[in-house]
């Protein structure tokens, strides 16, 4: 059972990473060369709560401490994925903090 949940979470993380990579490679090509980083964040704005919902559905089969631990691991991975996406998009300063917060939601 734990292996199934780990496989689901891993697959979800890979999908999220793939989507983040696709956004980070396509956004600069569509934007003009002189566009500031702030416009890039608007183009690749994440859907609030999507990652949290994915984590909740992945941990749904578990109970008690296992469910809690799985949620913490999944949300930490989501936060890391969002941070990587912000770095790829060269978002800095307070905008990075806001982006990661809204992305991991």
N, C-alpha and C. Protein backbone atom coordinates (compact mmCIF):
# COMPACT_ATOMS: atom_id res chain seq x y z
N UNK A 1 0.82 -1.19 0.00
CA UNK A 1 0.00 0.00 0.00
C UNK A 1 0.86 1.26 0.00
N UNK A 2 1.92 1.24 0.83
CA UNK A 2 2.80 2.39 0.88
C UNK A 2 3.52 2.59 -0.44
N UNK A 3 3.86 1.49 -1.09
CA UNK A 3 4.55 1.60 -2.38
C UNK A 3 3.64 2.23 -3.43
N UNK A 4 2.36 1.91 -3.38
CA UNK A 4 1.41 2.50 -4.31
C UNK A 4 1.33 4.01 -4.10
N UNK A 5 1.25 4.43 -2.86
CA UNK A 5 1.17 5.85 -2.55
C UNK A 5 2.46 6.56 -2.96
N UNK A 6 3.58 5.94 -2.68
CA UNK A 6 4.86 6.54 -3.07
C UNK A 6 4.95 6.64 -4.58
N UNK A 7 4.48 5.63 -5.29
CA UNK A 7 4.50 5.66 -6.75
C UNK A 7 3.58 6.77 -7.28
N UNK A 8 2.41 6.94 -6.66
CA UNK A 8 1.50 8.00 -7.08
C UNK A 8 2.10 9.38 -6.83
N UNK A 9 2.70 9.57 -5.68
CA UNK A 9 3.31 10.85 -5.36
C UNK A 9 4.48 11.13 -6.29
N UNK A 10 5.28 10.11 -6.55
CA UNK A 10 6.41 10.28 -7.46
C UNK A 10 5.93 10.65 -8.85
N UNK A 11 4.89 9.97 -9.32
CA UNK A 11 4.35 10.27 -10.65
C UNK A 11 3.79 11.69 -10.69
N UNK A 12 3.11 12.09 -9.63
CA UNK A 12 2.59 13.46 -9.57
C UNK A 12 3.70 14.49 -9.56
N UNK A 13 4.77 14.20 -8.84
CA UNK A 13 5.90 15.13 -8.81
C UNK A 13 6.56 15.23 -10.17
N UNK A 14 6.68 14.11 -10.85
CA UNK A 14 7.26 14.13 -12.19
C UNK A 14 6.39 14.92 -13.16
N UNK A 15 5.08 14.76 -13.06
CA UNK A 15 4.19 15.52 -13.92
C UNK A 15 4.29 17.01 -13.63
N UNK A 16 4.33 17.36 -12.35
CA UNK A 16 4.45 18.78 -11.99
C UNK A 16 5.78 19.34 -12.45
N UNK A 17 6.84 18.56 -12.32
CA UNK A 17 8.15 19.02 -12.78
C UNK A 17 8.16 19.19 -14.29
N UNK A 18 7.52 18.26 -15.00
CA UNK A 18 7.45 18.37 -16.45
C UNK A 18 6.68 19.60 -16.88
N UNK A 19 5.58 19.88 -16.18
CA UNK A 19 4.80 21.07 -16.50
C UNK A 19 5.60 22.34 -16.19
N UNK A 20 6.31 22.34 -15.09
CA UNK A 20 7.14 23.50 -14.73
C UNK A 20 8.25 23.69 -15.76
N UNK A 21 8.85 22.61 -16.21
CA UNK A 21 9.90 22.71 -17.21
C UNK A 21 9.33 23.23 -18.53
N UNK A 22 8.15 22.76 -18.91
CA UNK A 22 7.53 23.20 -20.15
C UNK A 22 7.21 24.69 -20.07
N UNK A 23 6.74 25.15 -18.93
CA UNK A 23 6.43 26.57 -18.77
C UNK A 23 7.70 27.40 -18.80
N UNK A 24 8.74 26.91 -18.16
CA UNK A 24 9.96 27.70 -18.08
C UNK A 24 10.66 27.79 -19.43
N UNK A 25 10.51 26.79 -20.29
CA UNK A 25 11.17 26.84 -21.59
C UNK A 25 10.33 27.57 -22.61
N UNK A 26 9.01 27.58 -22.48
CA UNK A 26 8.18 28.24 -23.47
C UNK A 26 7.92 29.71 -23.15
N UNK A 27 7.93 30.11 -21.89
CA UNK A 27 7.62 31.49 -21.52
C UNK A 27 8.63 32.49 -22.08
N UNK A 28 9.96 32.28 -21.97
CA UNK A 28 10.88 33.27 -22.51
C UNK A 28 10.82 33.36 -24.03
N UNK A 29 10.50 32.31 -24.73
CA UNK A 29 10.44 32.35 -26.18
C UNK A 29 9.26 33.21 -26.64
N UNK A 30 8.17 33.22 -25.88
CA UNK A 30 6.98 33.97 -26.26
C UNK A 30 7.10 35.44 -25.89
N UNK A 31 7.89 35.75 -24.87
CA UNK A 31 8.02 37.12 -24.39
C UNK A 31 9.14 37.84 -25.16
N UNK A 32 9.01 39.16 -25.33
CA UNK A 32 10.09 39.91 -25.96
C UNK A 32 11.35 39.88 -25.11
N UNK A 33 12.48 40.11 -25.72
CA UNK A 33 13.77 40.03 -25.02
C UNK A 33 13.89 41.07 -23.91
N UNK A 34 13.25 42.22 -24.07
CA UNK A 34 13.38 43.30 -23.09
C UNK A 34 12.32 43.24 -21.99
N UNK A 35 11.51 42.20 -21.95
CA UNK A 35 10.44 42.10 -20.96
C UNK A 35 11.03 41.86 -19.58
N UNK A 36 10.56 42.57 -18.55
CA UNK A 36 11.06 42.35 -17.19
C UNK A 36 10.55 41.01 -16.64
N UNK A 37 11.19 40.55 -15.57
CA UNK A 37 10.85 39.26 -14.97
C UNK A 37 9.44 39.28 -14.40
N UNK A 38 8.93 40.44 -14.06
CA UNK A 38 7.60 40.53 -13.46
C UNK A 38 6.53 40.10 -14.45
N UNK A 39 6.69 40.37 -15.73
CA UNK A 39 5.72 39.96 -16.73
C UNK A 39 5.73 38.44 -16.90
N UNK A 40 6.89 37.81 -16.73
CA UNK A 40 6.98 36.35 -16.85
C UNK A 40 6.17 35.66 -15.77
N UNK A 41 6.09 36.24 -14.58
CA UNK A 41 5.34 35.60 -13.50
C UNK A 41 3.85 35.63 -13.80
N UNK A 42 3.37 36.67 -14.46
CA UNK A 42 1.96 36.74 -14.79
C UNK A 42 1.61 35.71 -15.87
N UNK A 43 2.52 35.48 -16.79
CA UNK A 43 2.26 34.53 -17.87
C UNK A 43 2.22 33.10 -17.35
N UNK A 44 3.00 32.81 -16.32
CA UNK A 44 3.09 31.44 -15.81
C UNK A 44 2.51 31.35 -14.40
N UNK A 45 1.44 32.08 -14.15
CA UNK A 45 0.83 32.07 -12.83
C UNK A 45 0.24 30.70 -12.53
N UNK A 46 0.61 30.11 -11.39
CA UNK A 46 0.12 28.78 -11.05
C UNK A 46 -1.33 28.82 -10.57
N UNK A 47 -1.98 27.69 -10.66
CA UNK A 47 -3.34 27.56 -10.16
C UNK A 47 -3.27 27.36 -8.65
N UNK A 48 -3.86 28.27 -7.86
CA UNK A 48 -3.77 28.14 -6.41
C UNK A 48 -4.46 26.87 -5.91
N UNK A 49 -3.78 26.16 -5.03
CA UNK A 49 -4.37 24.99 -4.40
C UNK A 49 -4.29 23.71 -5.20
N UNK A 50 -3.78 23.75 -6.42
CA UNK A 50 -3.74 22.54 -7.25
C UNK A 50 -2.78 21.51 -6.66
N UNK A 51 -1.64 21.95 -6.21
CA UNK A 51 -0.66 21.01 -5.66
C UNK A 51 -1.14 20.46 -4.32
N UNK A 52 -1.77 21.29 -3.52
CA UNK A 52 -2.30 20.82 -2.24
C UNK A 52 -3.38 19.76 -2.47
N UNK A 53 -4.24 19.98 -3.46
CA UNK A 53 -5.28 19.01 -3.77
C UNK A 53 -4.68 17.70 -4.26
N UNK A 54 -3.60 17.80 -5.05
CA UNK A 54 -2.93 16.58 -5.52
C UNK A 54 -2.34 15.81 -4.35
N UNK A 55 -1.76 16.52 -3.40
CA UNK A 55 -1.18 15.87 -2.22
C UNK A 55 -2.27 15.22 -1.38
N UNK A 56 -3.39 15.89 -1.23
CA UNK A 56 -4.48 15.34 -0.44
C UNK A 56 -5.05 14.08 -1.08
N UNK A 57 -5.16 14.08 -2.40
CA UNK A 57 -5.68 12.88 -3.06
C UNK A 57 -4.68 11.74 -3.00
N UNK A 58 -3.38 12.06 -3.02
CA UNK A 58 -2.36 11.02 -2.92
C UNK A 58 -2.34 10.39 -1.52
N UNK A 59 -2.65 11.18 -0.49
CA UNK A 59 -2.61 10.69 0.88
C UNK A 59 -3.97 10.18 1.36
N UNK A 60 -4.95 10.21 0.49
CA UNK A 60 -6.31 9.84 0.88
C UNK A 60 -6.41 8.41 1.42
N UNK A 61 -5.63 7.49 0.85
CA UNK A 61 -5.72 6.08 1.24
C UNK A 61 -5.08 5.81 2.61
N UNK A 62 -4.27 6.73 3.10
CA UNK A 62 -3.57 6.52 4.36
C UNK A 62 -4.36 7.07 5.53
N UNK A 63 -3.96 6.67 6.72
CA UNK A 63 -4.62 7.14 7.93
C UNK A 63 -3.59 7.52 8.98
N UNK A 64 -3.99 8.39 9.87
CA UNK A 64 -3.19 8.75 11.02
C UNK A 64 -1.87 9.40 10.67
N UNK A 65 -0.81 8.93 11.36
CA UNK A 65 0.51 9.53 11.20
C UNK A 65 1.05 9.33 9.79
N UNK A 66 0.75 8.20 9.16
CA UNK A 66 1.22 7.96 7.79
C UNK A 66 0.65 9.01 6.83
N UNK A 67 -0.61 9.34 7.02
CA UNK A 67 -1.24 10.35 6.16
C UNK A 67 -0.60 11.72 6.39
N UNK A 68 -0.39 12.05 7.63
CA UNK A 68 0.23 13.33 7.99
C UNK A 68 1.63 13.43 7.40
N UNK A 69 2.41 12.37 7.58
CA UNK A 69 3.77 12.35 7.05
C UNK A 69 3.78 12.47 5.53
N UNK A 70 2.87 11.76 4.87
CA UNK A 70 2.81 11.80 3.42
C UNK A 70 2.45 13.20 2.93
N UNK A 71 1.52 13.85 3.62
CA UNK A 71 1.14 15.23 3.25
C UNK A 71 2.33 16.17 3.41
N UNK A 72 3.08 16.03 4.50
CA UNK A 72 4.23 16.89 4.71
C UNK A 72 5.27 16.69 3.63
N UNK A 73 5.55 15.44 3.29
CA UNK A 73 6.54 15.15 2.24
C UNK A 73 6.07 15.69 0.89
N UNK A 74 4.83 15.47 0.58
CA UNK A 74 4.29 15.91 -0.70
C UNK A 74 4.31 17.44 -0.82
N UNK A 75 3.92 18.13 0.24
CA UNK A 75 3.92 19.59 0.20
C UNK A 75 5.34 20.15 0.16
N UNK A 76 6.28 19.48 0.82
CA UNK A 76 7.67 19.91 0.74
C UNK A 76 8.19 19.75 -0.69
N UNK A 77 7.82 18.65 -1.35
CA UNK A 77 8.22 18.44 -2.73
C UNK A 77 7.58 19.49 -3.64
N UNK A 78 6.31 19.82 -3.39
CA UNK A 78 5.63 20.83 -4.18
C UNK A 78 6.31 22.19 -4.00
N UNK A 79 6.69 22.51 -2.77
CA UNK A 79 7.38 23.77 -2.50
C UNK A 79 8.71 23.81 -3.24
N UNK A 80 9.44 22.71 -3.21
CA UNK A 80 10.72 22.63 -3.91
C UNK A 80 10.53 22.77 -5.42
N UNK A 81 9.51 22.13 -5.97
CA UNK A 81 9.23 22.26 -7.40
C UNK A 81 8.91 23.70 -7.78
N UNK A 82 8.14 24.38 -6.94
CA UNK A 82 7.80 25.79 -7.19
C UNK A 82 9.04 26.68 -7.10
N UNK A 83 9.91 26.39 -6.14
CA UNK A 83 11.14 27.15 -6.01
C UNK A 83 12.02 26.96 -7.24
N UNK A 84 12.13 25.73 -7.73
CA UNK A 84 12.90 25.47 -8.94
C UNK A 84 12.32 26.22 -10.14
N UNK A 85 10.99 26.25 -10.22
CA UNK A 85 10.33 26.96 -11.30
C UNK A 85 10.63 28.46 -11.21
N UNK A 86 10.60 29.02 -10.02
CA UNK A 86 10.90 30.45 -9.85
C UNK A 86 12.34 30.74 -10.22
N UNK A 87 13.25 29.84 -9.89
CA UNK A 87 14.66 30.04 -10.23
C UNK A 87 14.84 29.96 -11.74
N UNK A 88 14.17 29.00 -12.38
CA UNK A 88 14.26 28.87 -13.84
C UNK A 88 13.74 30.11 -14.55
N UNK A 89 12.71 30.73 -13.97
CA UNK A 89 12.13 31.93 -14.57
C UNK A 89 12.85 33.20 -14.12
N UNK A 90 13.90 33.01 -13.32
CA UNK A 90 14.72 34.13 -12.84
C UNK A 90 13.90 35.17 -12.06
N UNK A 91 12.99 34.68 -11.24
CA UNK A 91 12.19 35.53 -10.37
C UNK A 91 13.00 35.73 -9.09
N UNK A 92 13.17 36.97 -8.67
CA UNK A 92 13.98 37.26 -7.49
C UNK A 92 13.21 38.14 -6.50
N UNK A 93 13.77 38.25 -5.32
CA UNK A 93 13.24 39.15 -4.30
C UNK A 93 11.88 38.75 -3.79
N UNK A 94 11.08 39.76 -3.42
CA UNK A 94 9.75 39.49 -2.87
C UNK A 94 8.82 38.78 -3.86
N UNK A 95 9.05 39.00 -5.17
CA UNK A 95 8.22 38.34 -6.17
C UNK A 95 8.41 36.82 -6.10
N UNK A 96 9.65 36.38 -5.82
CA UNK A 96 9.91 34.93 -5.71
C UNK A 96 9.14 34.34 -4.54
N UNK A 97 9.17 35.05 -3.41
CA UNK A 97 8.47 34.56 -2.23
C UNK A 97 6.97 34.45 -2.50
N UNK A 98 6.39 35.47 -3.14
CA UNK A 98 4.97 35.45 -3.46
C UNK A 98 4.65 34.35 -4.46
N UNK A 99 5.53 34.17 -5.46
CA UNK A 99 5.32 33.15 -6.48
C UNK A 99 5.31 31.76 -5.86
N UNK A 100 6.30 31.46 -5.03
CA UNK A 100 6.39 30.13 -4.41
C UNK A 100 5.21 29.90 -3.49
N UNK A 101 4.81 30.91 -2.76
CA UNK A 101 3.67 30.78 -1.84
C UNK A 101 2.38 30.50 -2.61
N UNK A 102 2.15 31.22 -3.69
CA UNK A 102 0.93 31.01 -4.47
C UNK A 102 0.97 29.73 -5.27
N UNK A 103 2.17 29.32 -5.69
CA UNK A 103 2.33 28.09 -6.49
C UNK A 103 2.06 26.85 -5.64
N UNK A 104 2.66 26.77 -4.48
CA UNK A 104 2.50 25.59 -3.63
C UNK A 104 1.14 25.57 -2.95
N UNK A 105 0.62 26.76 -2.68
CA UNK A 105 -0.71 26.97 -2.11
C UNK A 105 -1.24 25.89 -1.30
